[in-house]
Amino acid sequence: MQFSLLLPQKVVFGWDKRSEFGAIAAELGTAAVVVHGSRTLRTSSLWSELMAALESHGVQVVCELGIHREPTIEDVDAATAMVRSSSPTSDMVIGIGGGAAIDLAKAVSAMATNQLGESVRDYLEGVGEGLSIENDPLPMLAIPTTAGTGSETTKNAVISVDDPPCKKSLRSENMIPKIVLIDPELSVTVPQSVTAASGMDAITQLIESYISSRATPLTQSLCIEGLKHALPNMKRAYVDGTDQAARTAMAYAAFLSGVALANSGLGMAHGIAAALGAYCDVPHGLACATLLPIALRTNQTASRKQQVILGKLFAKNPHLSKEDAIAASISHVEALCDDLSIPKRLRDLGVRKEQLNDIVVGSRGNSMNGNPRVLTDEELYSILEEHW
């Protein structure tokens, strides 16, 4: 057996663990760039509590940045310029929020110390100048406020590109945050729609990482562990956002999904979701949720063994026949999507039929490379057309 495993150096997990925020931040430095994404959090008394904790532990906020959508090249370049000119010089980055805020924080931490190119575009996969992150990024503390993206554990930051419309990654193993602080209570005030989209993003990541062509027994065990917590608690967290047990389970599952995808890749649903975001401005988690049943159906022959295991897990019935188990792996996901009011068809996400060709082209990113079934452009277009 052979494998490699990338992880943050330290993970602190648990309800009310934010009480350790100041002391944890002080482990990384004394002059912090703070990147935030949640308007609700930013205007709450909790934000004042967090900032006071930094001050009491000798950590000065030298630059504060906000992001309320997936970061663009322009966002990263502007934020990087601010960080480089901050006084005193920043020696750490804190990302507090959903995937967008943490991705921007990761990108800024890397670009602050790597100045060979004029723009982050020069470092992006597939569209830039092929530059690499050679210098260590500023050490980073990631604090997710949603249970979904797993960005707090991954080695890349997803950046939106206008020309050509696409989403590309800034990627380096050194971009994994040094410390991750996960307090599920921070997700309690997240709107119901965000709870559904982010939670289904985590579930999609767990399932796609499990059936990925690059999966290992170790990453698959993490996926199963995550799904055991996510599946019975996704609807509970959606219905009652204050449910402590459900919020904790989803935060744990989201963390495991990030570790799994960072080490085994994803698949078709995430590949297409990136294109839907770039061309149609569809929120990432919502796109993944709509595409997950489609991806399972498309891959059921290529990932037969894995979907049998998933179906028996979902149905809580180890005695199902192989065919019934495969059917259950799809039907249980479809039922969960129905419970969360997830659209079934691409047109219900605002996708126009004339955009399908562009979506096919835009789906050919790193995520699609892990799909267990190799799809030609013609096959992919036919699948998208069928579900339009």
Foldseek 3Di string as FASTA:
>chain_A
DDFDFAWAQAEADEAPLLVCVQVVVVVQHAEEEEEEEDPVCCPDVVVVVSVVSVVVNRHHHQHYHYDHAAAAQVRLLVVLVCQLPTPPRHQEYEFEEAQRSLLSRLSSQQCNPDPPDNTCQQQWPPRHVVDASDDQGRAYEYEYLALAQLNLTAFWRWHAYVVVQFITIRGDSSSRHNYYYYHLVSNLPPALLRLLLRLQNLLQLLLQLLLFPQHDPVLVVLSLQLCLLSLVQSLVCSVHVVPRSSSSSSNSSSNSSSRSCNGRFGAQQQLLLRLCCRPVVQDSSLSSLLCSLLLLVVCCVLRQVSQLVQLCVLVVHVPDDSVNSSVSSNVSSVVVCVSSVRDNAPVVRVDDLVCLLVSLVRSPDRRNNGRSDDDDSVRSSVSNVVRD
